[in-house]
Amino acid sequence: MSNLTPPVTDAMLCRRSAAECCMSPEAGHVVSAIRERATAATPSKWRDGIVVHAPSSRGSGGSWIGIDLLDSQDTVWVWNHADLTTAVSMGVPVALHELYDTLAIGPTRFSVLRLPRSS
């Protein structure tokens, strides 16, 4: 992703190694308790989608995931600090919370950084 803006690249920085537990409250890192509660309290804001691009190899820079939203023609790109190669693959149904940038893969929730839409 070469067209990332400074706020996006800043949020992608993490001072923890892959072996350490990341506790950053920034988007794309850990799902905080308040974010977990807020997404549960706003169920109408979940949007269903299908993964159209999944990480294909383990990387230390996190995972970019492309999601085709079912209620529109949009493809949304999200990033998470963790290596999600074992959690998601192409064709998997997911849900993306529109307000709180949380990705649901089955019962598991991931905080995600959403790539801003290009004009």
C-alpha atoms as a PDB file:
ATOM      1  CA  MET A   1       0.000   0.000   0.000  1.00  0.00           C
ATOM      2  CA  SER A   2       2.024   2.908  -1.268  1.00  0.00           C
ATOM      3  CA  ASN A   3      -0.694   5.587  -1.057  1.00  0.00           C
ATOM      4  CA  LEU A   4      -0.971   5.693   2.728  1.00  0.00           C
ATOM      5  CA  THR A   5      -1.359   9.061   4.415  1.00  0.00           C
ATOM      6  CA  PRO A   6       0.749  10.012   7.470  1.00  0.00           C
ATOM      7  CA  PRO A   7      -2.079   9.392   9.999  1.00  0.00           C
ATOM      8  CA  VAL A   8      -2.493   5.870   8.585  1.00  0.00           C
ATOM      9  CA  THR A   9       1.211   5.059   8.667  1.00  0.00           C
ATOM     10  CA  ASP A  10       1.524   6.528  12.183  1.00  0.00           C
ATOM     11  CA  ALA A  11      -1.241   4.263  13.496  1.00  0.00           C
ATOM     12  CA  MET A  12       0.471   1.259  11.892  1.00  0.00           C
ATOM     13  CA  LEU A  13       3.585   1.737  14.027  1.00  0.00           C
ATOM     14  CA  CYS A  14       3.851  -0.536  17.018  1.00  0.00           C
ATOM     15  CA  ARG A  15       6.711  -0.762  19.449  1.00  0.00           C
ATOM     16  CA  ARG A  16       5.968  -4.367  20.354  1.00  0.00           C
ATOM     17  CA  SER A  17       7.544  -7.377  18.732  1.00  0.00           C
ATOM     18  CA  ALA A  18       5.370 -10.134  17.270  1.00  0.00           C
ATOM     19  CA  ALA A  19       5.967 -12.222  20.406  1.00  0.00           C
ATOM     20  CA  GLU A  20       4.869  -9.468  22.805  1.00  0.00           C
ATOM     21  CA  CYS A  21       1.253  -8.633  23.538  1.00  0.00           C
ATOM     22  CA  CYS A  22       0.203  -5.406  21.832  1.00  0.00           C
ATOM     23  CA  MET A  23      -1.929  -3.189  24.050  1.00  0.00           C
ATOM     24  CA  SER A  24      -2.065  -0.117  21.809  1.00  0.00           C
ATOM     25  CA  PRO A  25      -5.491   1.559  21.799  1.00  0.00           C
ATOM     26  CA  GLU A  26      -4.916   2.756  18.212  1.00  0.00           C
ATOM     27  CA  ALA A  27      -7.108   1.390  15.431  1.00  0.00           C
ATOM     28  CA  GLY A  28      -5.746  -1.862  14.075  1.00  0.00           C
ATOM     29  CA  HIS A  29      -4.197  -3.066  17.301  1.00  0.00           C
ATOM     30  CA  VAL A  30      -6.245  -4.354  20.266  1.00  0.00           C
ATOM     31  CA  VAL A  31     -10.032  -4.322  20.710  1.00  0.00           C
ATOM     32  CA  SER A  32     -10.594  -2.334  23.889  1.00  0.00           C
ATOM     33  CA  ALA A  33     -13.358  -3.229  26.327  1.00  0.00           C
ATOM     34  CA  ILE A  34     -15.234  -0.034  25.496  1.00  0.00           C
ATOM     35  CA  ARG A  35     -15.038  -0.755  21.756  1.00  0.00           C
ATOM     36  CA  GLU A  36     -16.321  -4.279  22.395  1.00  0.00           C
ATOM     37  CA  ARG A  37     -19.295  -2.874  24.337  1.00  0.00           C
ATOM     38  CA  ALA A  38     -19.968  -0.116  21.802  1.00  0.00           C
ATOM     39  CA  THR A  39     -20.120  -2.559  18.893  1.00  0.00           C
ATOM     40  CA  ALA A  40     -22.461  -4.822  20.868  1.00  0.00           C
ATOM     41  CA  ALA A  41     -24.716  -1.846  21.638  1.00  0.00           C
ATOM     42  CA  THR A  42     -25.003  -0.819  17.962  1.00  0.00           C
ATOM     43  CA  PRO A  43     -25.839  -4.032  16.086  1.00  0.00           C
ATOM     44  CA  SER A  44     -27.433  -2.185  13.147  1.00  0.00           C
ATOM     45  CA  LYS A  45     -24.032  -0.741  12.181  1.00  0.00           C
ATOM     46  CA  TRP A  46     -22.496  -4.107  11.223  1.00  0.00           C
ATOM     47  CA  ARG A  47     -22.067  -4.539   7.444  1.00  0.00           C
ATOM     48  CA  ASP A  48     -21.709  -7.998   5.961  1.00  0.00           C
ATOM     49  CA  GLY A  49     -18.952  -8.712   3.501  1.00  0.00           C
ATOM     50  CA  ILE A  50     -16.821 -11.328   1.825  1.00  0.00           C
ATOM     51  CA  VAL A  51     -13.023 -11.375   1.988  1.00  0.00           C
ATOM     52  CA  VAL A  52     -11.630 -10.833  -1.527  1.00  0.00           C
ATOM     53  CA  HIS A  53      -8.005 -10.310  -0.540  1.00  0.00           C
ATOM     54  CA  ALA A  54      -6.378 -12.060   2.378  1.00  0.00           C
ATOM     55  CA  PRO A  55      -2.789 -12.096   3.612  1.00  0.00           C
ATOM     56  CA  SER A  56      -0.975 -14.924   1.852  1.00  0.00           C
ATOM     57  CA  SER A  57       2.120 -15.135   4.008  1.00  0.00           C
ATOM     58  CA  ARG A  58       3.271 -14.285   7.485  1.00  0.00           C
ATOM     59  CA  GLY A  59       4.519 -10.755   7.685  1.00  0.00           C
ATOM     60  CA  SER A  60       5.829  -8.561  10.438  1.00  0.00           C
ATOM     61  CA  GLY A  61       3.958  -5.518   9.142  1.00  0.00           C
ATOM     62  CA  GLY A  62       0.479  -6.728   9.960  1.00  0.00           C
ATOM     63  CA  SER A  63      -2.239  -7.867   7.603  1.00  0.00           C
ATOM     64  CA  TRP A  64      -4.161  -5.985   4.896  1.00  0.00           C
ATOM     65  CA  ILE A  65      -7.558  -7.485   4.093  1.00  0.00           C
ATOM     66  CA  GLY A  66      -9.859  -6.546   1.205  1.00  0.00           C
ATOM     67  CA  ILE A  67     -13.584  -6.914   1.875  1.00  0.00           C
ATOM     68  CA  ASP A  68     -16.403  -6.635  -0.676  1.00  0.00           C
ATOM     69  CA  LEU A  69     -19.410  -5.269   1.188  1.00  0.00           C
ATOM     70  CA  LEU A  70     -22.630  -7.066   0.297  1.00  0.00           C
ATOM     71  CA  ASP A  71     -24.903  -4.014   0.542  1.00  0.00           C
ATOM     72  CA  SER A  72     -22.898  -1.909  -1.921  1.00  0.00           C
ATOM     73  CA  GLN A  73     -20.327  -2.152  -4.669  1.00  0.00           C
ATOM     74  CA  ASP A  74     -17.569  -1.014  -2.305  1.00  0.00           C
ATOM     75  CA  THR A  75     -14.360  -2.845  -1.535  1.00  0.00           C
ATOM     76  CA  VAL A  76     -13.018  -1.778   1.843  1.00  0.00           C
ATOM     77  CA  TRP A  77      -9.377  -2.269   2.849  1.00  0.00           C
ATOM     78  CA  VAL A  78      -8.600  -2.793   6.512  1.00  0.00           C
ATOM     79  CA  TRP A  79      -5.363  -3.438   8.394  1.00  0.00           C
ATOM     80  CA  ASN A  80      -4.604  -5.209  11.646  1.00  0.00           C
ATOM     81  CA  HIS A  81      -1.293  -5.332  13.480  1.00  0.00           C
ATOM     82  CA  ALA A  82      -1.437  -9.105  13.970  1.00  0.00           C
ATOM     83  CA  ASP A  83      -0.598 -11.841  11.518  1.00  0.00           C
ATOM     84  CA  LEU A  84      -4.083 -12.920  10.423  1.00  0.00           C
ATOM     85  CA  THR A  85      -3.037 -15.567   7.890  1.00  0.00           C
ATOM     86  CA  THR A  86      -4.631 -18.322   9.977  1.00  0.00           C
ATOM     87  CA  ALA A  87      -7.753 -16.322  10.892  1.00  0.00           C
ATOM     88  CA  VAL A  88      -8.991 -15.239   7.469  1.00  0.00           C
ATOM     89  CA  SER A  89      -8.886 -16.458   3.883  1.00  0.00           C
ATOM     90  CA  MET A  90     -10.478 -15.484   0.587  1.00  0.00           C
ATOM     91  CA  GLY A  91     -14.204 -16.143   0.412  1.00  0.00           C
ATOM     92  CA  VAL A  92     -14.749 -16.038   4.176  1.00  0.00           C
ATOM     93  CA  PRO A  93     -17.863 -14.132   5.295  1.00  0.00           C
ATOM     94  CA  VAL A  94     -17.085 -11.333   7.744  1.00  0.00           C
ATOM     95  CA  ALA A  95     -18.798  -8.321   9.295  1.00  0.00           C
ATOM     96  CA  LEU A  96     -17.325  -4.839   9.559  1.00  0.00           C
ATOM     97  CA  HIS A  97     -18.640  -2.364  12.114  1.00  0.00           C
ATOM     98  CA  GLU A  98     -19.221   0.941  10.353  1.00  0.00           C
ATOM     99  CA  LEU A  99     -18.737   3.197  13.389  1.00  0.00           C
ATOM    100  CA  TYR A 100     -16.111   1.477  15.503  1.00  0.00           C
ATOM    101  CA  ASP A 101     -13.833  -0.146  12.866  1.00  0.00           C
ATOM    102  CA  THR A 102     -14.075  -3.649  14.241  1.00  0.00           C
ATOM    103  CA  LEU A 103     -13.896  -6.751  12.074  1.00  0.00           C
ATOM    104  CA  ALA A 104     -15.841  -9.853  13.083  1.00  0.00           C
ATOM    105  CA  ILE A 105     -14.634 -13.199  11.784  1.00  0.00           C
ATOM    106  CA  GLY A 106     -17.061 -15.643  13.335  1.00  0.00           C
ATOM    107  CA  PRO A 107     -17.120 -14.910  17.088  1.00  0.00           C
ATOM    108  CA  THR A 108     -13.661 -13.297  17.063  1.00  0.00           C
ATOM    109  CA  ARG A 109     -13.298  -9.505  16.931  1.00  0.00           C
ATOM    110  CA  PHE A 110     -10.325  -7.548  15.577  1.00  0.00           C
ATOM    111  CA  SER A 111      -9.703  -3.818  15.746  1.00  0.00           C
ATOM    112  CA  VAL A 112      -8.951  -2.591  12.241  1.00  0.00           C
ATOM    113  CA  LEU A 113      -7.575   0.500  10.606  1.00  0.00           C
ATOM    114  CA  ARG A 114      -9.700   1.383   7.605  1.00  0.00           C
ATOM    115  CA  LEU A 115      -7.916   2.718   4.539  1.00  0.00           C
ATOM    116  CA  PRO A 116      -9.455   6.086   3.667  1.00  0.00           C
ATOM    117  CA  ARG A 117     -11.438   6.109   0.447  1.00  0.00           C
ATOM    118  CA  SER A 118      -9.599   7.730  -2.418  1.00  0.00           C
ATOM    119  CA  SER A 119     -11.409  10.533  -4.213  1.00  0.00           C
END
